[in-house]
């Protein structure tokens, strides 16, 4: 596995792990084209079956990859945070996707033209390799989530998603709606209420009006299923960097 050296230049201010894992030379291929961007709640980053105009590198927040059925029902099939990129189809030479991507937990990041990004990938094998490693990690996350939904109870899965969201945020407090939690877990909102109520009673979190505060991360970790650690290890291994 290629581990990408972490640049030491003072101009690097991104909290995005994928950008910070690039060599200085590869980062400089992208840096002039990156534009800082606030990423508000429900902001649409990619619309299904529409041309992908921009790719996004999140510094904080969580983007949700959503599949919408013919009858209008929507299901969250993947999430993207500061470990990766929104716009992965561009890496494989595609320009559209069958899924929409929008912000479920607001944050910030940087964007660049999808066309320019695709052009820059052709200039460096190591740059393309870095994004292919991320694609593998992303696939592994989706696969682990599918197994998790089959084998593990709601409360354990809820702990896992809370930990994953916390890893992508700068503080212990963040916006996380019942709607998003229900989509992530594939359950009804009433089940989310029961699970979050139980975690509050145990003193692990505080949850009020869509805002979550992590009170005891170690306790939350202990209450989670093994899928959190499995997914985190794979991201660390394939990205060559560790979340702080």
C-alpha atoms as a PDB file:
ATOM      1  CA  UNK A   1       0.000   0.000   0.000  1.00  0.00           C
ATOM      2  CA  UNK A   2       1.221   3.478  -0.853  1.00  0.00           C
ATOM      3  CA  UNK A   3       1.242   5.741   2.184  1.00  0.00           C
ATOM      4  CA  UNK A   4       1.174   9.380   1.194  1.00  0.00           C
ATOM      5  CA  UNK A   5       3.612  11.645   3.013  1.00  0.00           C
ATOM      6  CA  UNK A   6       2.042  14.489   4.945  1.00  0.00           C
ATOM      7  CA  UNK A   7       3.278  17.898   3.756  1.00  0.00           C
ATOM      8  CA  UNK A   8       4.743  20.280   6.276  1.00  0.00           C
ATOM      9  CA  UNK A   9       4.129  23.532   4.395  1.00  0.00           C
ATOM     10  CA  UNK A  10       2.474  26.193   6.500  1.00  0.00           C
ATOM     11  CA  UNK A  11      -0.084  26.988   3.821  1.00  0.00           C
ATOM     12  CA  UNK A  12      -1.973  23.752   4.376  1.00  0.00           C
ATOM     13  CA  UNK A  13      -5.057  24.628   6.430  1.00  0.00           C
ATOM     14  CA  UNK A  14      -7.469  21.881   5.451  1.00  0.00           C
ATOM     15  CA  UNK A  15      -8.923  19.509   8.003  1.00  0.00           C
ATOM     16  CA  UNK A  16      -9.731  17.143   5.144  1.00  0.00           C
ATOM     17  CA  UNK A  17      -7.713  13.965   5.670  1.00  0.00           C
ATOM     18  CA  UNK A  18      -7.600  13.068   1.998  1.00  0.00           C
ATOM     19  CA  UNK A  19      -6.057  16.416   1.041  1.00  0.00           C
ATOM     20  CA  UNK A  20      -3.629  16.330   3.950  1.00  0.00           C
ATOM     21  CA  UNK A  21      -2.512  12.821   3.014  1.00  0.00           C
ATOM     22  CA  UNK A  22      -1.300  13.940  -0.413  1.00  0.00           C
ATOM     23  CA  UNK A  23       2.313  14.654  -1.220  1.00  0.00           C
ATOM     24  CA  UNK A  24       3.138  18.346  -1.537  1.00  0.00           C
ATOM     25  CA  UNK A  25       3.470  17.983  -5.316  1.00  0.00           C
ATOM     26  CA  UNK A  26       0.047  16.341  -5.653  1.00  0.00           C
ATOM     27  CA  UNK A  27      -1.591  18.809  -3.306  1.00  0.00           C
ATOM     28  CA  UNK A  28      -0.207  21.690  -5.360  1.00  0.00           C
ATOM     29  CA  UNK A  29      -1.965  20.304  -8.420  1.00  0.00           C
ATOM     30  CA  UNK A  30      -5.280  20.875  -6.644  1.00  0.00           C
ATOM     31  CA  UNK A  31      -4.622  23.820  -4.320  1.00  0.00           C
ATOM     32  CA  UNK A  32      -4.935  26.687  -6.862  1.00  0.00           C
ATOM     33  CA  UNK A  33      -8.386  25.443  -7.836  1.00  0.00           C
ATOM     34  CA  UNK A  34      -9.834  24.970  -4.337  1.00  0.00           C
ATOM     35  CA  UNK A  35     -12.355  27.514  -3.086  1.00  0.00           C
ATOM     36  CA  UNK A  36     -13.478  27.660   0.539  1.00  0.00           C
ATOM     37  CA  UNK A  37     -17.166  26.906   0.857  1.00  0.00           C
ATOM     38  CA  UNK A  38     -19.666  26.978   3.755  1.00  0.00           C
ATOM     39  CA  UNK A  39     -21.764  23.830   3.589  1.00  0.00           C
ATOM     40  CA  UNK A  40     -25.175  24.517   5.062  1.00  0.00           C
ATOM     41  CA  UNK A  41     -27.756  22.021   6.225  1.00  0.00           C
ATOM     42  CA  UNK A  42     -29.551  20.456   3.243  1.00  0.00           C
ATOM     43  CA  UNK A  43     -27.215  22.060   0.694  1.00  0.00           C
ATOM     44  CA  UNK A  44     -27.338  19.950  -2.484  1.00  0.00           C
ATOM     45  CA  UNK A  45     -23.825  18.981  -3.591  1.00  0.00           C
ATOM     46  CA  UNK A  46     -24.787  16.514  -6.340  1.00  0.00           C
ATOM     47  CA  UNK A  47     -28.201  16.014  -7.962  1.00  0.00           C
ATOM     48  CA  UNK A  48     -29.073  12.539  -9.228  1.00  0.00           C
ATOM     49  CA  UNK A  49     -28.571  12.048 -12.965  1.00  0.00           C
ATOM     50  CA  UNK A  50     -27.417  15.645 -13.390  1.00  0.00           C
ATOM     51  CA  UNK A  51     -23.913  16.632 -14.525  1.00  0.00           C
ATOM     52  CA  UNK A  52     -21.509  16.842 -11.579  1.00  0.00           C
ATOM     53  CA  UNK A  53     -20.253  20.444 -11.639  1.00  0.00           C
ATOM     54  CA  UNK A  54     -18.027  20.437  -8.559  1.00  0.00           C
ATOM     55  CA  UNK A  55     -16.221  18.051  -6.261  1.00  0.00           C
ATOM     56  CA  UNK A  56     -16.123  18.884  -2.553  1.00  0.00           C
ATOM     57  CA  UNK A  57     -13.577  18.236   0.182  1.00  0.00           C
ATOM     58  CA  UNK A  58     -15.258  18.508   3.573  1.00  0.00           C
ATOM     59  CA  UNK A  59     -13.321  19.911   6.527  1.00  0.00           C
ATOM     60  CA  UNK A  60     -16.310  19.334   8.822  1.00  0.00           C
ATOM     61  CA  UNK A  61     -19.891  18.160   8.559  1.00  0.00           C
ATOM     62  CA  UNK A  62     -21.444  15.069   7.014  1.00  0.00           C
ATOM     63  CA  UNK A  63     -22.760  14.661   3.475  1.00  0.00           C
ATOM     64  CA  UNK A  64     -25.376  12.008   2.810  1.00  0.00           C
ATOM     65  CA  UNK A  65     -25.502   9.855  -0.313  1.00  0.00           C
ATOM     66  CA  UNK A  66     -29.227   9.333  -0.888  1.00  0.00           C
ATOM     67  CA  UNK A  67     -31.112   6.960  -3.170  1.00  0.00           C
ATOM     68  CA  UNK A  68     -34.702   7.989  -3.945  1.00  0.00           C
ATOM     69  CA  UNK A  69     -37.318   5.435  -4.975  1.00  0.00           C
ATOM     70  CA  UNK A  70     -39.986   5.968  -7.649  1.00  0.00           C
ATOM     71  CA  UNK A  71     -42.603   6.561  -4.945  1.00  0.00           C
ATOM     72  CA  UNK A  72     -40.477   9.286  -3.354  1.00  0.00           C
ATOM     73  CA  UNK A  73     -39.130   7.288  -0.426  1.00  0.00           C
ATOM     74  CA  UNK A  74     -35.470   8.067   0.240  1.00  0.00           C
ATOM     75  CA  UNK A  75     -32.762   5.988   1.858  1.00  0.00           C
ATOM     76  CA  UNK A  76     -29.283   7.012   2.941  1.00  0.00           C
ATOM     77  CA  UNK A  77     -26.792   4.581   1.416  1.00  0.00           C
ATOM     78  CA  UNK A  78     -23.512   6.208   2.411  1.00  0.00           C
ATOM     79  CA  UNK A  79     -21.928   9.155   4.190  1.00  0.00           C
ATOM     80  CA  UNK A  80     -18.920  11.334   3.453  1.00  0.00           C
ATOM     81  CA  UNK A  81     -17.004  13.514   5.885  1.00  0.00           C
ATOM     82  CA  UNK A  82     -13.553  14.990   6.308  1.00  0.00           C
ATOM     83  CA  UNK A  83     -11.965  11.683   5.323  1.00  0.00           C
ATOM     84  CA  UNK A  84     -12.935  11.953   1.674  1.00  0.00           C
ATOM     85  CA  UNK A  85     -14.395  13.608  -1.388  1.00  0.00           C
ATOM     86  CA  UNK A  86     -17.913  14.251  -2.662  1.00  0.00           C
ATOM     87  CA  UNK A  87     -17.861  13.514  -6.383  1.00  0.00           C
ATOM     88  CA  UNK A  88     -16.150  10.136  -6.499  1.00  0.00           C
ATOM     89  CA  UNK A  89     -17.654   9.235  -9.933  1.00  0.00           C
ATOM     90  CA  UNK A  90     -15.267  11.785 -11.492  1.00  0.00           C
ATOM     91  CA  UNK A  91     -12.324   9.641 -10.334  1.00  0.00           C
ATOM     92  CA  UNK A  92     -13.659   6.818 -12.516  1.00  0.00           C
ATOM     93  CA  UNK A  93     -14.221   9.033 -15.532  1.00  0.00           C
ATOM     94  CA  UNK A  94     -17.978   9.434 -15.086  1.00  0.00           C
ATOM     95  CA  UNK A  95     -19.865  12.730 -15.017  1.00  0.00           C
ATOM     96  CA  UNK A  96     -23.186  11.812 -13.390  1.00  0.00           C
ATOM     97  CA  UNK A  97     -24.434   9.614 -10.548  1.00  0.00           C
ATOM     98  CA  UNK A  98     -27.769   7.888  -9.821  1.00  0.00           C
ATOM     99  CA  UNK A  99     -27.715   9.192  -6.242  1.00  0.00           C
ATOM    100  CA  UNK A 100     -28.035  12.666  -4.790  1.00  0.00           C
ATOM    101  CA  UNK A 101     -25.622  14.025  -2.195  1.00  0.00           C
ATOM    102  CA  UNK A 102     -26.588  16.734   0.260  1.00  0.00           C
ATOM    103  CA  UNK A 103     -25.427  18.011   3.619  1.00  0.00           C
ATOM    104  CA  UNK A 104     -27.109  16.378   6.594  1.00  0.00           C
ATOM    105  CA  UNK A 105     -24.778  17.792   9.251  1.00  0.00           C
ATOM    106  CA  UNK A 106     -23.691  21.341   8.309  1.00  0.00           C
ATOM    107  CA  UNK A 107     -20.006  22.174   8.107  1.00  0.00           C
ATOM    108  CA  UNK A 108     -17.430  23.678   5.796  1.00  0.00           C
ATOM    109  CA  UNK A 109     -14.911  22.654   3.178  1.00  0.00           C
ATOM    110  CA  UNK A 110     -13.574  23.459  -0.267  1.00  0.00           C
ATOM    111  CA  UNK A 111     -14.818  22.843  -3.770  1.00  0.00           C
ATOM    112  CA  UNK A 112     -13.278  22.750  -7.226  1.00  0.00           C
ATOM    113  CA  UNK A 113     -14.511  22.302 -10.763  1.00  0.00           C
ATOM    114  CA  UNK A 114     -15.189  18.650 -11.551  1.00  0.00           C
ATOM    115  CA  UNK A 115     -13.754  19.126 -15.052  1.00  0.00           C
ATOM    116  CA  UNK A 116     -10.521  20.601 -13.678  1.00  0.00           C
ATOM    117  CA  UNK A 117     -10.294  17.877 -11.045  1.00  0.00           C
ATOM    118  CA  UNK A 118     -10.547  15.198 -13.725  1.00  0.00           C
ATOM    119  CA  UNK A 119      -7.830  16.929 -15.732  1.00  0.00           C
ATOM    120  CA  UNK A 120      -5.492  17.136 -12.744  1.00  0.00           C
ATOM    121  CA  UNK A 121      -5.921  13.428 -12.003  1.00  0.00           C
ATOM    122  CA  UNK A 122      -4.423  12.667 -15.410  1.00  0.00           C
ATOM    123  CA  UNK A 123      -1.239  14.543 -14.505  1.00  0.00           C
ATOM    124  CA  UNK A 124      -0.190  12.320 -11.590  1.00  0.00           C
ATOM    125  CA  UNK A 125      -0.419   8.571 -11.044  1.00  0.00           C
ATOM    126  CA  UNK A 126       0.127   9.044  -7.312  1.00  0.00           C
ATOM    127  CA  UNK A 127      -2.724  11.561  -7.125  1.00  0.00           C
ATOM    128  CA  UNK A 128      -5.096   9.138  -8.846  1.00  0.00           C
ATOM    129  CA  UNK A 129      -3.840   6.335  -6.597  1.00  0.00           C
ATOM    130  CA  UNK A 130      -4.731   8.344  -3.487  1.00  0.00           C
ATOM    131  CA  UNK A 131      -8.325   8.723  -4.635  1.00  0.00           C
ATOM    132  CA  UNK A 132      -8.583   5.066  -5.619  1.00  0.00           C
ATOM    133  CA  UNK A 133      -7.488   4.141  -2.092  1.00  0.00           C
ATOM    134  CA  UNK A 134     -10.276   6.347  -0.773  1.00  0.00           C
ATOM    135  CA  UNK A 135     -12.776   4.707  -3.144  1.00  0.00           C
ATOM    136  CA  UNK A 136     -11.821   1.312  -1.703  1.00  0.00           C
ATOM    137  CA  UNK A 137     -12.238   2.608   1.854  1.00  0.00           C
ATOM    138  CA  UNK A 138     -15.619   4.077   0.921  1.00  0.00           C
ATOM    139  CA  UNK A 139     -16.758   0.759  -0.559  1.00  0.00           C
ATOM    140  CA  UNK A 140     -15.644  -1.035   2.602  1.00  0.00           C
ATOM    141  CA  UNK A 141     -17.655   1.406   4.714  1.00  0.00           C
ATOM    142  CA  UNK A 142     -20.823   0.726   2.709  1.00  0.00           C
ATOM    143  CA  UNK A 143     -20.273  -3.033   2.934  1.00  0.00           C
ATOM    144  CA  UNK A 144     -19.681  -2.877   6.692  1.00  0.00           C
ATOM    145  CA  UNK A 145     -22.805  -0.770   7.148  1.00  0.00           C
ATOM    146  CA  UNK A 146     -24.907  -3.341   5.312  1.00  0.00           C
ATOM    147  CA  UNK A 147     -23.612  -6.125   7.578  1.00  0.00           C
ATOM    148  CA  UNK A 148     -24.070  -3.926  10.646  1.00  0.00           C
ATOM    149  CA  UNK A 149     -27.723  -3.275   9.795  1.00  0.00           C
ATOM    150  CA  UNK A 150     -28.319  -7.017   9.521  1.00  0.00           C
ATOM    151  CA  UNK A 151     -26.569  -8.200  12.691  1.00  0.00           C
ATOM    152  CA  UNK A 152     -26.592  -5.438  15.301  1.00  0.00           C
ATOM    153  CA  UNK A 153     -29.346  -3.833  17.417  1.00  0.00           C
ATOM    154  CA  UNK A 154     -30.383  -0.221  16.895  1.00  0.00           C
ATOM    155  CA  UNK A 155     -28.706   1.189  19.996  1.00  0.00           C
ATOM    156  CA  UNK A 156     -25.287  -0.216  19.074  1.00  0.00           C
ATOM    157  CA  UNK A 157     -25.654   1.066  15.517  1.00  0.00           C
ATOM    158  CA  UNK A 158     -26.721   4.451  16.836  1.00  0.00           C
ATOM    159  CA  UNK A 159     -23.534   4.635  18.914  1.00  0.00           C
ATOM    160  CA  UNK A 160     -21.494   3.784  15.837  1.00  0.00           C
ATOM    161  CA  UNK A 161     -23.025   6.571  13.755  1.00  0.00           C
ATOM    162  CA  UNK A 162     -22.634   9.106  16.565  1.00  0.00           C
ATOM    163  CA  UNK A 163     -18.941   8.226  16.845  1.00  0.00           C
ATOM    164  CA  UNK A 164     -18.458   8.471  13.081  1.00  0.00           C
ATOM    165  CA  UNK A 165     -20.158  11.862  13.021  1.00  0.00           C
ATOM    166  CA  UNK A 166     -18.065  13.102  15.949  1.00  0.00           C
ATOM    167  CA  UNK A 167     -14.886  12.099  14.109  1.00  0.00           C
ATOM    168  CA  UNK A 168     -15.925  14.426  11.307  1.00  0.00           C
ATOM    169  CA  UNK A 169     -16.670  17.439  13.513  1.00  0.00           C
ATOM    170  CA  UNK A 170     -14.429  19.892  15.426  1.00  0.00           C
ATOM    171  CA  UNK A 171     -16.444  19.772  18.671  1.00  0.00           C
ATOM    172  CA  UNK A 172     -18.528  17.395  20.792  1.00  0.00           C
ATOM    173  CA  UNK A 173     -21.716  19.302  19.914  1.00  0.00           C
ATOM    174  CA  UNK A 174     -23.300  19.192  16.460  1.00  0.00           C
ATOM    175  CA  UNK A 175     -26.596  19.234  14.612  1.00  0.00           C
ATOM    176  CA  UNK A 176     -27.995  15.770  13.952  1.00  0.00           C
ATOM    177  CA  UNK A 177     -31.694  15.548  13.147  1.00  0.00           C
ATOM    178  CA  UNK A 178     -33.941  12.610  13.961  1.00  0.00           C
ATOM    179  CA  UNK A 179     -34.690  12.349  10.247  1.00  0.00           C
ATOM    180  CA  UNK A 180     -31.009  11.841   9.410  1.00  0.00           C
ATOM    181  CA  UNK A 181     -30.443   9.347  12.217  1.00  0.00           C
ATOM    182  CA  UNK A 182     -33.496   7.388  11.099  1.00  0.00           C
ATOM    183  CA  UNK A 183     -32.209   7.353   7.505  1.00  0.00           C
ATOM    184  CA  UNK A 184     -28.745   6.245   8.583  1.00  0.00           C
ATOM    185  CA  UNK A 185     -30.121   3.466  10.745  1.00  0.00           C
ATOM    186  CA  UNK A 186     -32.923   2.464   8.379  1.00  0.00           C
ATOM    187  CA  UNK A 187     -35.559   2.711  11.132  1.00  0.00           C
ATOM    188  CA  UNK A 188     -38.551   4.826  12.119  1.00  0.00           C
ATOM    189  CA  UNK A 189     -38.076   8.052  14.091  1.00  0.00           C
ATOM    190  CA  UNK A 190     -39.804   6.454  17.071  1.00  0.00           C
ATOM    191  CA  UNK A 191     -36.985   3.902  17.243  1.00  0.00           C
ATOM    192  CA  UNK A 192     -34.442   6.731  17.156  1.00  0.00           C
ATOM    193  CA  UNK A 193     -36.215   8.383  20.088  1.00  0.00           C
ATOM    194  CA  UNK A 194     -35.991   5.185  22.117  1.00  0.00           C
ATOM    195  CA  UNK A 195     -32.319   4.635  21.319  1.00  0.00           C
ATOM    196  CA  UNK A 196     -31.290   8.244  22.007  1.00  0.00           C
ATOM    197  CA  UNK A 197     -33.375   8.287  25.173  1.00  0.00           C
ATOM    198  CA  UNK A 198     -31.513   5.228  26.417  1.00  0.00           C
ATOM    199  CA  UNK A 199     -28.119   6.790  25.642  1.00  0.00           C
ATOM    200  CA  UNK A 200     -29.140   9.956  27.503  1.00  0.00           C
ATOM    201  CA  UNK A 201     -30.189   7.981  30.569  1.00  0.00           C
ATOM    202  CA  UNK A 202     -26.763   6.314  30.559  1.00  0.00           C
ATOM    203  CA  UNK A 203     -25.102   9.738  30.500  1.00  0.00           C
ATOM    204  CA  UNK A 204     -23.399   9.157  27.165  1.00  0.00           C
ATOM    205  CA  UNK A 205     -25.042  11.968  25.175  1.00  0.00           C
ATOM    206  CA  UNK A 206     -27.347  14.927  25.494  1.00  0.00           C
ATOM    207  CA  UNK A 207     -29.934  15.287  22.735  1.00  0.00           C
ATOM    208  CA  UNK A 208     -32.329  18.196  22.361  1.00  0.00           C
ATOM    209  CA  UNK A 209     -34.072  19.664  19.316  1.00  0.00           C
ATOM    210  CA  UNK A 210     -31.774  17.984  16.840  1.00  0.00           C
ATOM    211  CA  UNK A 211     -28.563  18.932  18.640  1.00  0.00           C
ATOM    212  CA  UNK A 212     -26.301  16.211  20.011  1.00  0.00           C
ATOM    213  CA  UNK A 213     -23.595  16.668  22.625  1.00  0.00           C
ATOM    214  CA  UNK A 214     -21.212  13.783  23.235  1.00  0.00           C
ATOM    215  CA  UNK A 215     -20.743  13.579  27.018  1.00  0.00           C
ATOM    216  CA  UNK A 216     -18.794  10.334  27.322  1.00  0.00           C
ATOM    217  CA  UNK A 217     -16.985   9.270  24.155  1.00  0.00           C
ATOM    218  CA  UNK A 218     -15.287   6.295  25.813  1.00  0.00           C
ATOM    219  CA  UNK A 219     -18.631   5.062  27.103  1.00  0.00           C
ATOM    220  CA  UNK A 220     -20.191   5.545  23.680  1.00  0.00           C
ATOM    221  CA  UNK A 221     -17.332   3.583  22.145  1.00  0.00           C
ATOM    222  CA  UNK A 222     -17.813   0.753  24.627  1.00  0.00           C
ATOM    223  CA  UNK A 223     -21.544   0.652  23.835  1.00  0.00           C
ATOM    224  CA  UNK A 224     -20.972   0.556  20.065  1.00  0.00           C
ATOM    225  CA  UNK A 225     -20.660  -2.544  17.916  1.00  0.00           C
ATOM    226  CA  UNK A 226     -17.303  -3.556  16.424  1.00  0.00           C
ATOM    227  CA  UNK A 227     -18.218  -1.996  13.065  1.00  0.00           C
ATOM    228  CA  UNK A 228     -16.988   1.440  14.139  1.00  0.00           C
ATOM    229  CA  UNK A 229     -13.467   0.160  14.805  1.00  0.00           C
ATOM    230  CA  UNK A 230     -13.440  -1.973  11.652  1.00  0.00           C
ATOM    231  CA  UNK A 231     -14.431   0.974   9.452  1.00  0.00           C
ATOM    232  CA  UNK A 232     -12.022   3.371  11.163  1.00  0.00           C
ATOM    233  CA  UNK A 233      -9.099   0.968  10.815  1.00  0.00           C
ATOM    234  CA  UNK A 234      -9.780   0.557   7.109  1.00  0.00           C
ATOM    235  CA  UNK A 235      -9.909   4.306   6.517  1.00  0.00           C
ATOM    236  CA  UNK A 236      -6.669   4.780   8.475  1.00  0.00           C
ATOM    237  CA  UNK A 237      -4.979   1.948   6.588  1.00  0.00           C
ATOM    238  CA  UNK A 238      -6.055   2.972   3.108  1.00  0.00           C
ATOM    239  CA  UNK A 239      -5.686   6.725   3.546  1.00  0.00           C
ATOM    240  CA  UNK A 240      -2.370   6.425   5.366  1.00  0.00           C
ATOM    241  CA  UNK A 241      -3.493   9.002   7.924  1.00  0.00           C
ATOM    242  CA  UNK A 242      -5.315   8.909  11.249  1.00  0.00           C
ATOM    243  CA  UNK A 243      -8.268  10.958  12.432  1.00  0.00           C
ATOM    244  CA  UNK A 244      -7.497  13.204  15.380  1.00  0.00           C
END
